[in-house]
Amino acid sequence: MAKKERTRFVCSSCGHEEPRWLGRCPDCSEWNTLIETRVPVAQRAGAAPDRSAREAAPAPTALSEITVRSDLRRPFGIDELDRVLGGGVPRGASVLIGGQPGIGKSTLMLQAVGGLKNTSVLYVAGEESKSQIKVRADRLGVSGDAVSITTEVEIEALLDLVRAAKPDVIVVDSIQTLYAAELGAVPGTVNQIKYCAFELIEWARTYDASIFFVAHVTKDGVIAGPKVVEHMVDAVLFFDDSGGELRFLRASKNRFGSTDEIGIFAMDERGLHPITDPSSLFVVVRDGALPPGVVVAPVYEGSRILLVEIQALTVTAKSGLSRVYSDRIDSSRVARVAAVIERHVGVRLSDQDIYVNVAGGMRISEVGIELPLAAALYSARTGLAVPAGTTVVGELSLAGEIRPVTHIRRRAKAAREMGLVRLIGPASDARDRANQRGADGDSDDAAQDPIEMYTTASTIAACIKNVFQLTNEPLRAAAARSDAGHQERKSDERSDRAADGREEENK
């Protein structure tokens, strides 16, 4: 009598397994993620494994005897992609790249491998036909003489192709389409993704091939599939957009490079184009003063300085509870900076709805954005515009102190190249100035730069006065106007409620 097939329930979010179905995963607490999966039955249940059939394991190698080849990395010739990868993809490395549908993941991969020289490439198209890939390649101007296309997605058959061709680079588009017939589950389930990814990663590591997995994302914007796959690969890249033609490539994990780098592309009908001077896209050059609520800030992203425009708007809260609307800068950071302004500058923001935006749609997490954010909020609340040619940078503490930021000279140089002649920020410590002098090959002190450096402003109140060129009296007057307006609105609300009450009594 044939044995009944065994099944188990595997969480599609975290990979946790349960013998029976549950509505909520006990490991990651996600709802309705347990999927029934068939368990392959061994040919001899309960039998000990045949150790004689195994291949002999290679002997361990002393660390001092391991050699590293000089051409460890394969650069693609696309500067922004190579920048994020750390100079190219290492041999034997595996990379997972995710992003929203239609953002350009397949386009980026096809452009990248199509430009490789003396490198064999196997492109596994699990979602498109060969003719569709050819049409896209022609549109992008990719010849791809060394690129071979296959639509095989069954893992054993695919491994046979890989073993026969021995490509230098493999692109799997996408990993959710691969499946192993013996697992029995549909493609895209946890076990299928884990098994197929493991087999390909092991082959690539053994034969010094580089492999890219294109991945889907969930409705929450995270890479779909088990988290264990992100642990298995060497780098995890995420493709994001700004709601327009700009695309941002970031690394959330990179074993062979920095995760602080960002690649910026422009997307059009001819494909993705690297942006070598992104500051010109994020900053609008104006003849006069900036509009109230707008501040230019030099932010440090990876190995380069970008000038971005911080925009803030404050309006009276329509209910008793004020809110913060910000998707490019973390909302909790905006709320914290607003609290510091109210406490240490005296300008009331707790009765205001706050809207914050970064021009160009770039997401910023650097700590140096806090002082320009404070200046933008103060400008929006008081209606005072930042003088022309002024840029601001610095970290803000809860005590109202301005903390140093790194690479102050490089920030000053980038601001000067954009026509900004006045930089407001904290004083960097002596070590940072010495490092920057060595890096720039310049022995001059930072204070001798053509940009005016306000390094003596150590508090938020002093920095605000320097930014807006205020005296103590106007600063207090702005705070007084803010409080007076707040009290006046409260008085009007009380009067309106009293009038409504009298009308109800008369009725």
Protein backbone atom coordinates (compact mmCIF):
# COMPACT_ATOMS: atom_id res chain seq x y z
CA MET A 1 0.00 0.00 0.00
CA ALA A 2 1.41 3.35 -1.01
CA LYS A 3 2.22 5.70 1.81
CA LYS A 4 0.23 8.88 2.13
CA GLU A 5 2.14 11.88 0.85
CA ARG A 6 3.44 14.09 3.64
CA THR A 7 2.82 17.83 3.63
CA ARG A 8 3.84 20.73 5.79
CA PHE A 9 2.95 24.40 5.92
CA VAL A 10 5.71 26.90 5.20
CA CYS A 11 5.51 30.67 5.80
CA SER A 12 6.05 32.55 2.54
CA SER A 13 7.43 35.52 4.47
CA CYS A 14 10.05 34.03 6.80
CA GLY A 15 10.24 30.32 5.89
CA HIS A 16 8.95 29.04 9.25
CA GLU A 17 7.45 25.54 9.06
CA GLU A 18 4.44 24.11 10.88
CA PRO A 19 2.85 20.64 10.69
CA ARG A 20 -0.64 22.16 10.33
CA TRP A 21 -2.15 25.32 8.95
CA LEU A 22 -2.30 28.42 11.15
CA GLY A 23 -3.83 31.76 10.35
CA ARG A 24 -0.83 33.64 11.72
CA CYS A 25 2.83 32.68 11.50
CA PRO A 26 4.18 32.25 15.06
CA ASP A 27 7.65 33.37 13.97
CA CYS A 28 7.12 36.59 11.97
CA SER A 29 3.48 37.29 13.04
CA GLU A 30 2.32 37.73 9.43
CA TRP A 31 -1.24 36.67 8.61
CA ASN A 32 -2.28 34.12 5.96
CA THR A 33 1.28 33.33 4.86
CA LEU A 34 1.43 29.58 5.63
CA ILE A 35 1.32 27.64 2.36
CA GLU A 36 0.90 23.89 2.09
CA THR A 37 4.02 22.28 0.65
CA ARG A 38 4.66 18.66 -0.29
CA VAL A 39 7.58 16.92 1.41
CA PRO A 40 9.58 14.63 -0.91
CA VAL A 41 9.56 11.06 0.42
CA ALA A 42 12.94 9.38 0.60
CA GLN A 43 13.36 6.21 -1.44
CA ARG A 44 14.18 4.27 1.71
CA ALA A 45 12.46 5.87 4.61
CA GLY A 46 14.42 5.54 7.80
CA ALA A 47 17.50 4.13 6.06
CA ALA A 48 20.89 5.52 6.91
CA PRO A 49 22.46 7.69 4.21
CA ASP A 50 24.93 5.99 1.90
CA ARG A 51 28.18 7.69 2.89
CA SER A 52 30.21 5.70 0.39
CA ALA A 53 28.39 7.39 -2.49
CA ARG A 54 29.47 10.83 -1.38
CA GLU A 55 32.37 12.60 -3.00
CA ALA A 56 35.39 13.14 -0.83
CA ALA A 57 35.35 16.59 0.76
CA PRO A 58 38.27 18.83 -0.23
CA ALA A 59 40.94 19.25 2.40
CA PRO A 60 40.96 22.54 4.36
CA THR A 61 43.34 25.23 3.12
CA ALA A 62 45.45 27.44 5.35
CA LEU A 63 44.46 31.09 5.17
CA SER A 64 48.04 32.10 4.34
CA GLU A 65 48.07 29.76 1.33
CA ILE A 66 44.94 31.19 -0.30
CA THR A 67 45.67 33.44 -3.28
CA VAL A 68 43.39 36.12 -4.69
CA ARG A 69 43.46 36.80 -8.41
CA SER A 70 44.17 40.34 -9.53
CA ASP A 71 41.07 40.51 -11.75
CA LEU A 72 38.70 39.63 -8.91
CA ARG A 73 35.99 42.05 -10.08
CA ARG A 74 34.17 42.33 -13.37
CA PRO A 75 33.31 45.98 -14.09
CA PHE A 76 30.29 46.55 -16.33
CA GLY A 77 31.32 49.94 -17.65
CA ILE A 78 28.18 51.52 -16.17
CA ASP A 79 29.66 53.87 -13.59
CA GLU A 80 26.62 54.08 -11.31
CA LEU A 81 26.17 50.30 -11.16
CA ASP A 82 29.88 49.69 -10.61
CA ARG A 83 29.87 52.35 -7.88
CA VAL A 84 27.11 50.60 -5.92
CA LEU A 85 28.75 47.19 -6.34
CA GLY A 86 32.09 48.56 -5.13
CA GLY A 87 33.92 48.62 -8.47
CA GLY A 88 32.21 45.75 -10.28
CA VAL A 89 30.81 42.35 -9.38
CA PRO A 90 33.34 39.91 -7.83
CA ARG A 91 33.87 36.50 -9.38
CA GLY A 92 31.84 33.86 -7.61
CA ALA A 93 29.50 36.46 -6.10
CA SER A 94 25.71 36.34 -6.07
CA VAL A 95 23.60 39.50 -6.22
CA LEU A 96 19.88 39.92 -5.55
CA ILE A 97 18.21 42.96 -7.13
CA GLY A 98 14.62 43.97 -6.39
CA GLY A 99 12.27 46.79 -7.27
CA GLN A 100 8.72 47.67 -8.23
CA PRO A 101 7.29 46.24 -11.47
CA GLY A 102 8.34 48.24 -14.52
CA ILE A 103 11.03 50.22 -12.72
CA GLY A 104 13.81 48.95 -15.01
CA LYS A 105 15.40 45.90 -13.36
CA SER A 106 15.45 43.83 -16.54
CA THR A 107 16.59 46.84 -18.56
CA LEU A 108 19.49 47.45 -16.19
CA MET A 109 20.58 43.81 -16.32
CA LEU A 110 20.39 43.63 -20.11
CA GLN A 111 22.36 46.85 -20.52
CA ALA A 112 24.94 45.68 -17.98
CA VAL A 113 25.67 42.25 -19.48
CA GLY A 114 25.34 43.51 -23.05
CA GLY A 115 28.35 45.76 -22.58
CA LEU A 116 30.70 43.10 -21.20
CA LYS A 117 33.74 42.22 -23.29
CA ASN A 118 35.36 38.78 -23.47
CA THR A 119 32.75 37.48 -21.03
CA SER A 120 30.17 34.78 -21.69
CA VAL A 121 26.69 35.48 -20.32
CA LEU A 122 23.66 33.25 -19.84
CA TYR A 123 20.41 35.20 -19.49
CA VAL A 124 17.60 33.10 -18.01
CA ALA A 125 14.32 34.70 -19.10
CA GLY A 126 11.56 33.28 -16.94
CA GLU A 127 8.99 35.98 -17.65
CA GLU A 128 9.61 36.86 -21.32
CA SER A 129 10.19 35.03 -24.56
CA LYS A 130 13.44 35.15 -26.49
CA SER A 131 11.90 37.42 -29.13
CA GLN A 132 10.77 39.88 -26.45
CA ILE A 133 14.31 40.02 -25.07
CA LYS A 134 15.62 40.63 -28.59
CA VAL A 135 13.17 43.48 -29.18
CA ARG A 136 14.26 45.15 -25.95
CA ALA A 137 17.94 44.66 -26.77
CA ASP A 138 17.47 46.30 -30.17
CA ARG A 139 15.64 49.22 -28.58
CA LEU A 140 18.44 49.68 -26.05
CA GLY A 141 21.16 49.36 -28.66
CA VAL A 142 22.61 46.25 -27.02
CA SER A 143 24.34 43.89 -29.43
CA GLY A 144 25.06 41.18 -26.86
CA ASP A 145 27.29 39.01 -29.03
CA ALA A 146 28.38 37.00 -25.99
CA VAL A 147 24.90 36.84 -24.42
CA SER A 148 22.90 33.61 -24.72
CA ILE A 149 19.19 33.53 -23.89
CA THR A 150 17.30 30.59 -22.43
CA THR A 151 13.73 30.28 -21.19
CA GLU A 152 14.37 27.07 -19.23
CA VAL A 153 13.20 27.50 -15.63
CA GLU A 154 13.26 23.90 -14.32
CA ILE A 155 16.30 23.89 -12.07
CA GLU A 156 17.79 20.50 -13.04
CA ALA A 157 17.51 21.21 -16.76
CA LEU A 158 18.89 24.70 -16.18
CA LEU A 159 21.85 23.33 -14.24
CA ASP A 160 22.59 20.98 -17.14
CA LEU A 161 22.72 24.00 -19.46
CA VAL A 162 24.94 25.88 -17.03
CA ARG A 163 27.35 22.97 -16.62
CA ALA A 164 27.64 22.61 -20.39
CA ALA A 165 28.04 26.31 -21.21
CA LYS A 166 30.04 27.35 -18.11
CA PRO A 167 29.11 31.04 -18.44
CA ASP A 168 31.05 33.76 -16.65
CA VAL A 169 27.89 35.67 -15.70
CA ILE A 170 24.36 34.37 -15.15
CA VAL A 171 21.23 36.54 -14.94
CA VAL A 172 18.03 34.92 -13.62
CA ASP A 173 14.98 37.06 -14.40
CA SER A 174 13.28 36.33 -12.12
CA ILE A 175 14.09 33.97 -9.27
CA GLN A 176 10.38 33.52 -8.52
CA THR A 177 9.92 31.68 -11.84
CA LEU A 178 12.42 28.87 -11.11
CA TYR A 179 11.16 25.55 -9.80
CA ALA A 180 12.34 22.05 -8.96
CA ALA A 181 10.02 19.29 -10.17
CA GLU A 182 10.73 16.99 -7.22
CA LEU A 183 9.51 19.56 -4.69
CA GLY A 184 6.01 19.49 -6.15
CA ALA A 185 5.11 23.04 -5.10
CA VAL A 186 4.31 25.84 -7.51
CA PRO A 187 7.12 28.25 -8.51
CA GLY A 188 7.65 31.16 -6.15
CA THR A 189 7.01 29.29 -2.91
CA VAL A 190 9.53 29.40 -0.09
CA ASN A 191 11.05 25.96 -0.64
CA GLN A 192 11.30 26.44 -4.39
CA ILE A 193 13.10 29.77 -4.09
CA LYS A 194 15.49 28.53 -1.39
CA TYR A 195 16.37 25.32 -3.21
CA CYS A 196 16.85 26.85 -6.67
CA ALA A 197 18.85 29.80 -5.34
CA PHE A 198 21.10 27.52 -3.30
CA GLU A 199 21.89 25.26 -6.26
CA LEU A 200 22.82 28.14 -8.56
CA ILE A 201 24.81 30.00 -5.89
CA GLU A 202 26.83 26.87 -5.13
CA TRP A 203 27.65 26.34 -8.80
CA ALA A 204 28.62 29.99 -9.29
CA ARG A 205 30.87 29.96 -6.22
CA THR A 206 32.57 26.76 -7.35
CA TYR A 207 33.33 27.95 -10.89
CA ASP A 208 34.01 31.66 -10.18
CA ALA A 209 30.90 32.78 -12.05
CA SER A 210 28.87 35.84 -11.06
CA ILE A 211 25.11 35.45 -10.78
CA PHE A 212 22.32 38.02 -10.59
CA PHE A 213 18.84 37.20 -9.32
CA VAL A 214 16.06 39.62 -10.28
CA ALA A 215 13.35 39.48 -7.60
CA HIS A 216 9.77 40.62 -7.19
CA VAL A 217 8.68 42.87 -4.34
CA THR A 218 5.65 42.72 -2.06
CA LYS A 219 2.98 45.37 -1.66
CA ASP A 220 5.00 46.72 1.27
CA GLY A 221 7.99 47.36 -1.01
CA VAL A 222 10.26 44.60 0.36
CA ILE A 223 11.77 41.79 -1.70
CA ALA A 224 9.33 38.90 -1.98
CA GLY A 225 10.28 35.44 -0.79
CA PRO A 226 12.04 34.10 2.28
CA LYS A 227 14.48 36.34 4.09
CA VAL A 228 17.01 33.52 4.09
CA VAL A 229 17.73 34.17 0.39
CA GLU A 230 18.97 37.66 1.28
CA HIS A 231 21.35 36.00 3.74
CA MET A 232 22.54 33.53 1.12
CA VAL A 233 23.57 36.09 -1.49
CA ASP A 234 26.57 38.41 -1.26
CA ALA A 235 24.79 41.65 -2.15
CA VAL A 236 21.21 42.90 -2.09
CA LEU A 237 20.39 45.86 -4.34
CA PHE A 238 17.12 47.75 -4.45
CA PHE A 239 15.89 49.83 -7.37
CA ASP A 240 13.72 52.80 -6.39
CA ASP A 241 12.21 55.73 -8.26
CA SER A 242 11.20 59.30 -7.54
CA GLY A 243 7.83 59.13 -9.22
CA GLY A 244 9.39 60.44 -12.44
CA GLU A 245 12.24 59.50 -14.74
CA LEU A 246 14.92 59.25 -12.04
CA ARG A 247 15.93 55.85 -10.67
CA PHE A 248 17.98 55.24 -7.52
CA LEU A 249 20.02 52.07 -6.95
CA ARG A 250 21.06 51.31 -3.37
CA ALA A 251 22.67 48.37 -1.60
CA SER A 252 21.18 47.16 1.66
CA LYS A 253 23.85 44.46 1.88
CA ASN A 254 27.25 44.21 0.21
CA ARG A 255 29.95 41.82 1.37
CA PHE A 256 32.48 43.31 -1.04
CA GLY A 257 31.77 47.02 -0.80
CA SER A 258 29.98 49.84 0.97
CA THR A 259 26.23 50.05 1.51
CA ASP A 260 26.36 53.86 1.57
CA GLU A 261 26.79 54.31 -2.17
CA ILE A 262 23.88 55.31 -4.39
CA GLY A 263 23.56 55.00 -8.15
CA ILE A 264 21.39 57.51 -10.00
CA PHE A 265 19.93 56.89 -13.46
CA ALA A 266 17.56 58.63 -15.83
CA MET A 267 15.03 56.41 -17.61
CA ASP A 268 13.70 57.02 -21.11
CA GLU A 269 12.67 54.98 -24.14
CA ARG A 270 16.33 54.20 -24.90
CA GLY A 271 16.98 52.72 -21.47
CA LEU A 272 18.80 53.81 -18.34
CA HIS A 273 21.42 56.55 -18.46
CA PRO A 274 23.85 57.15 -15.56
CA ILE A 275 23.71 60.63 -14.03
CA THR A 276 27.25 61.84 -13.40
CA ASP A 277 26.29 65.26 -11.98
CA PRO A 278 23.12 64.67 -9.94
CA SER A 279 23.33 67.95 -8.00
CA SER A 280 22.19 69.85 -11.08
CA LEU A 281 18.98 67.78 -11.05
CA PHE A 282 18.12 68.35 -7.40
CA VAL A 283 18.89 72.07 -7.05
CA VAL A 284 17.24 74.90 -8.98
CA VAL A 285 19.55 77.89 -9.46
CA ARG A 286 17.65 81.07 -8.57
CA ASP A 287 18.70 84.67 -9.06
CA GLY A 288 17.41 86.00 -5.75
CA ALA A 289 16.60 84.60 -2.34
CA LEU A 290 15.06 81.18 -1.96
CA PRO A 291 11.31 80.94 -1.33
CA PRO A 292 10.36 80.59 2.36
CA GLY A 293 10.69 77.00 3.50
CA VAL A 294 13.43 76.07 0.99
CA VAL A 295 17.03 75.31 2.01
CA VAL A 296 19.92 73.82 0.00
CA ALA A 297 22.00 71.19 1.81
CA PRO A 298 25.20 69.32 0.82
CA VAL A 299 24.64 65.69 1.82
CA TYR A 300 27.22 62.93 1.82
CA GLU A 301 26.09 59.80 -0.04
CA GLY A 302 28.70 57.05 -0.20
CA SER A 303 31.79 58.60 -1.74
CA ARG A 304 30.35 61.80 -3.20
CA ILE A 305 28.63 64.99 -2.16
CA LEU A 306 25.17 65.80 -3.51
CA LEU A 307 23.42 69.15 -3.18
CA VAL A 308 19.72 68.69 -2.51
CA GLU A 309 16.86 71.08 -1.91
CA ILE A 310 14.88 70.60 1.30
CA GLN A 311 11.34 71.97 1.13
CA ALA A 312 9.11 72.52 4.17
CA LEU A 313 5.57 73.82 4.58
CA THR A 314 3.63 74.45 7.78
CA VAL A 315 -0.12 75.07 7.98
CA THR A 316 -2.41 75.37 10.95
CA ALA A 317 -3.63 71.96 12.06
CA LYS A 318 -7.29 71.52 11.23
CA SER A 319 -7.83 69.35 14.27
CA GLY A 320 -6.40 69.32 17.74
CA LEU A 321 -3.66 66.88 16.70
CA SER A 322 -0.89 68.05 14.37
CA ARG A 323 0.66 65.67 11.86
CA VAL A 324 3.92 65.26 9.95
CA TYR A 325 3.83 64.33 6.26
CA SER A 326 7.24 63.29 4.94
CA ASP A 327 8.18 60.32 2.77
CA ARG A 328 11.73 61.30 1.69
CA ILE A 329 13.01 62.09 5.19
CA ASP A 330 11.93 59.90 8.09
CA SER A 331 8.84 61.39 9.76
CA SER A 332 10.15 60.70 13.27
CA ARG A 333 13.28 62.70 12.48
CA VAL A 334 11.16 65.61 11.23
CA ALA A 335 9.08 65.52 14.42
CA ARG A 336 12.22 65.45 16.57
CA VAL A 337 13.76 68.45 14.77
CA ALA A 338 10.47 70.35 15.11
CA ALA A 339 10.46 69.67 18.86
CA VAL A 340 14.03 70.97 19.19
CA ILE A 341 13.09 74.17 17.34
CA GLU A 342 10.09 74.76 19.56
CA ARG A 343 12.06 74.11 22.74
CA HIS A 344 15.31 75.94 21.98
CA VAL A 345 14.31 78.60 19.43
CA GLY A 346 10.85 79.42 20.73
CA VAL A 347 8.90 79.08 17.48
CA ARG A 348 5.75 77.07 18.03
CA LEU A 349 5.24 74.12 15.68
CA SER A 350 3.11 71.79 17.79
CA ASP A 351 -0.09 73.34 16.42
CA GLN A 352 1.03 72.99 12.80
CA ASP A 353 0.70 70.28 10.18
CA ILE A 354 4.21 69.86 8.76
CA TYR A 355 4.94 68.85 5.16
CA VAL A 356 8.52 68.02 4.12
CA ASN A 357 9.83 67.11 0.68
CA VAL A 358 13.18 66.59 -1.04
CA ALA A 359 13.28 67.97 -4.57
CA GLY A 360 13.90 65.24 -7.11
CA GLY A 361 12.42 62.52 -4.91
CA MET A 362 15.66 61.35 -3.31
CA ARG A 363 15.46 59.63 0.09
CA ILE A 364 17.93 60.99 2.64
CA SER A 365 19.02 59.41 5.91
CA GLU A 366 22.30 61.23 6.61
CA VAL A 367 22.50 63.00 9.98
CA GLY A 368 23.82 66.18 8.37
CA ILE A 369 20.35 66.88 7.01
CA GLU A 370 18.97 67.85 10.43
CA LEU A 371 20.25 71.44 10.58
CA PRO A 372 19.03 72.34 7.05
CA LEU A 373 15.72 70.70 7.93
CA ALA A 374 15.50 72.91 11.02
CA ALA A 375 16.26 75.99 8.92
CA ALA A 376 13.59 75.00 6.40
CA LEU A 377 10.98 74.52 9.14
CA TYR A 378 11.87 77.86 10.74
CA SER A 379 11.70 79.58 7.36
CA ALA A 380 8.33 78.03 6.54
CA ARG A 381 6.87 78.95 9.94
CA THR A 382 8.10 82.56 10.07
CA GLY A 383 8.02 83.39 6.36
CA LEU A 384 11.69 84.44 6.39
CA ALA A 385 13.58 83.34 3.28
CA VAL A 386 17.12 81.97 3.32
CA PRO A 387 19.46 84.53 1.71
CA ALA A 388 20.74 83.79 -1.78
CA GLY A 389 23.93 81.74 -2.05
CA THR A 390 23.49 80.09 1.36
CA THR A 391 23.68 76.39 2.16
CA VAL A 392 23.35 74.65 5.53
CA VAL A 393 24.62 71.37 6.99
CA GLY A 394 24.90 69.88 10.48
CA GLU A 395 23.60 67.35 12.97
CA LEU A 396 21.18 68.52 15.65
CA SER A 397 21.08 67.15 19.20
CA LEU A 398 18.08 67.13 21.52
CA ALA A 399 19.86 69.69 23.69
CA GLY A 400 19.87 72.13 20.78
CA GLU A 401 23.59 71.70 20.10
CA ILE A 402 25.06 71.49 16.60
CA ARG A 403 27.26 68.44 16.23
CA PRO A 404 30.07 68.10 13.67
CA VAL A 405 29.66 66.30 10.36
CA THR A 406 32.32 64.63 8.25
CA HIS A 407 33.92 65.88 5.04
CA ILE A 408 33.16 69.54 5.68
CA ARG A 409 35.74 70.72 3.13
CA ARG A 410 34.37 68.49 0.40
CA ARG A 411 30.88 69.77 1.13
CA ALA A 412 32.16 73.34 0.90
CA LYS A 413 33.86 72.60 -2.40
CA ALA A 414 30.71 71.04 -3.88
CA ALA A 415 28.64 74.02 -2.75
CA ARG A 416 31.11 76.46 -4.29
CA GLU A 417 30.94 74.63 -7.62
CA MET A 418 27.17 75.19 -7.63
CA GLY A 419 27.60 78.92 -7.07
CA LEU A 420 26.88 78.93 -3.33
CA VAL A 421 29.24 81.24 -1.44
CA ARG A 422 28.07 80.88 2.14
CA LEU A 423 28.03 77.66 4.18
CA ILE A 424 26.46 77.55 7.63
CA GLY A 425 27.48 74.57 9.71
CA PRO A 426 29.35 73.26 12.73
CA ALA A 427 33.09 73.15 13.17
CA SER A 428 34.58 69.78 12.32
CA ASP A 429 37.11 68.37 14.73
CA ALA A 430 40.82 68.65 14.05
CA ARG A 431 41.07 65.04 12.93
CA ASP A 432 38.50 65.52 10.18
CA ARG A 433 40.19 68.69 8.93
CA ALA A 434 43.53 66.89 8.84
CA ASN A 435 42.03 63.95 6.97
CA GLN A 436 40.40 66.23 4.45
CA ARG A 437 43.61 68.17 3.86
CA GLY A 438 45.38 64.90 3.14
CA ALA A 439 42.60 63.61 0.91
CA ASP A 440 42.29 66.83 -1.08
CA GLY A 441 46.03 67.43 -1.34
CA ASP A 442 45.51 70.90 0.11
CA SER A 443 47.34 72.23 3.14
CA ASP A 444 45.07 75.24 3.66
CA ASP A 445 42.76 75.30 6.63
CA ALA A 446 39.02 74.98 6.08
CA ALA A 447 38.49 78.53 7.29
CA GLN A 448 40.55 79.82 4.33
CA ASP A 449 38.13 78.42 1.76
CA PRO A 450 36.26 81.00 -0.38
CA ILE A 451 33.09 79.88 1.40
CA GLU A 452 32.31 81.66 4.63
CA MET A 453 32.31 79.02 7.40
CA TYR A 454 30.29 79.72 10.58
CA THR A 455 32.15 77.26 12.73
CA THR A 456 31.51 79.10 16.01
CA ALA A 457 27.74 78.54 16.03
CA SER A 458 27.31 75.69 18.50
CA THR A 459 23.55 75.93 19.17
CA ILE A 460 20.46 75.84 17.01
CA ALA A 461 19.49 79.38 18.02
CA ALA A 462 22.89 80.75 16.98
CA CYS A 463 22.78 78.87 13.68
CA ILE A 464 19.29 80.16 12.90
CA LYS A 465 20.49 83.72 13.49
CA ASN A 466 23.49 83.12 11.23
CA VAL A 467 21.39 81.58 8.47
CA PHE A 468 18.80 84.36 8.40
CA GLN A 469 21.21 87.11 9.52
CA LEU A 470 19.05 87.98 12.50
CA THR A 471 19.66 89.74 15.78
CA ASN A 472 18.26 88.54 19.10
CA GLU A 473 15.27 90.84 18.86
CA PRO A 474 13.91 89.57 15.50
CA LEU A 475 14.40 85.98 16.65
CA ARG A 476 12.34 86.57 19.76
CA ALA A 477 9.84 88.60 17.76
CA ALA A 478 9.27 85.71 15.37
CA ALA A 479 8.64 83.40 18.31
CA ALA A 480 6.31 85.96 19.88
CA ARG A 481 4.35 86.31 16.66
CA SER A 482 4.01 82.55 16.49
CA ASP A 483 2.75 82.29 20.08
CA ALA A 484 0.49 85.33 19.70
CA GLY A 485 -1.09 83.84 16.61
CA HIS A 486 -1.60 80.56 18.40
CA GLN A 487 -3.28 82.22 21.39
CA GLU A 488 -5.45 84.31 19.08
CA ARG A 489 -6.64 81.22 17.24
CA LYS A 490 -7.38 79.47 20.53
CA SER A 491 -9.37 82.49 21.69
CA ASP A 492 -11.36 82.54 18.45
CA GLU A 493 -12.11 78.84 18.82
CA ARG A 494 -13.38 79.36 22.37
CA SER A 495 -15.54 82.26 21.22
CA ASP A 496 -16.99 80.19 18.39
CA ARG A 497 -17.81 77.33 20.75
CA ALA A 498 -19.46 79.73 23.20
CA ALA A 499 -21.55 81.27 20.40
CA ASP A 500 -22.62 77.83 19.21
CA GLY A 501 -23.63 76.95 22.75
CA ARG A 502 -25.79 80.06 23.09
CA GLU A 503 -27.51 79.31 19.79
CA GLU A 504 -28.34 75.81 20.96
CA GLU A 505 -29.80 77.18 24.21
CA ASN A 506 -31.96 79.69 22.31
CA LYS A 507 -33.33 76.90 20.14
